[in-house]
Amino acid sequence: MDRHTAGGRIDQFRLYLLAERGRSPHTAESYASDLRQWLQFCDCLLYTSDAADD
């Protein structure tokens, strides 16, 4: 999954939390922020791993 697709899924998840689960906007944004940070961490791991393979 590319970063653009993952970002879209995170936004969909945030909207789901708001509309379907009735979570507060702050909670939904906090979850989305955590997921974006995790995605960035995973990107760093992949970049580091790719660089080590060279």
Protein backbone atom coordinates (compact mmCIF):
# COMPACT_ATOMS: atom_id res chain seq x y z
CA MET A 1 0.00 0.00 0.00
CA ASP A 2 1.46 3.35 -0.96
CA ARG A 3 1.52 6.38 1.32
CA HIS A 4 -1.30 8.16 -0.53
CA THR A 5 -3.61 5.15 -0.21
CA ALA A 6 -2.72 4.68 3.45
CA GLY A 7 -3.40 8.36 4.16
CA GLY A 8 -6.81 8.04 2.55
CA ARG A 9 -7.60 5.00 4.67
CA ILE A 10 -6.60 6.87 7.81
CA ASP A 11 -8.97 9.70 6.84
CA GLN A 12 -11.75 7.17 6.23
CA PHE A 13 -11.09 5.63 9.63
CA ARG A 14 -11.27 9.07 11.28
CA LEU A 15 -14.61 9.75 9.59
CA TYR A 16 -15.87 6.31 10.67
CA LEU A 17 -14.97 7.10 14.27
CA LEU A 18 -16.88 10.37 14.06
CA ALA A 19 -19.99 9.22 12.17
CA GLU A 20 -20.47 5.60 13.14
CA ARG A 21 -18.87 5.32 16.54
CA GLY A 22 -19.81 8.75 17.83
CA ARG A 23 -16.32 9.59 19.04
CA SER A 24 -15.33 13.17 19.73
CA PRO A 25 -13.41 15.06 17.05
CA HIS A 26 -10.41 15.25 19.38
CA THR A 27 -10.38 11.48 19.89
CA ALA A 28 -10.75 10.76 16.18
CA GLU A 29 -7.97 13.18 15.27
CA SER A 30 -5.73 11.77 17.98
CA TYR A 31 -6.17 8.24 16.60
CA ALA A 32 -5.52 9.50 13.06
CA SER A 33 -2.41 11.34 14.22
CA ASP A 34 -1.10 8.20 15.93
CA LEU A 35 -1.65 6.20 12.74
CA ARG A 36 0.12 8.84 10.61
CA GLN A 37 3.09 8.77 13.00
CA TRP A 38 3.17 4.97 12.85
CA LEU A 39 3.07 5.11 9.05
CA GLN A 40 5.99 7.55 9.06
CA PHE A 41 7.91 5.21 11.39
CA CYS A 42 7.28 2.28 9.03
CA ASP A 43 8.50 4.37 6.09
CA CYS A 44 11.71 5.08 7.99
CA LEU A 45 12.22 1.39 8.66
CA LEU A 46 11.76 0.56 4.99
CA TYR A 47 14.11 3.34 3.93
CA THR A 48 16.75 2.21 6.42
CA SER A 49 16.34 -1.41 5.35
CA ASP A 50 16.62 -0.52 1.64
CA ALA A 51 19.76 1.56 2.29
CA ALA A 52 21.37 -1.32 4.21
CA ASP A 53 20.76 -3.66 1.27
CA ASP A 54 22.81 -1.45 -1.09
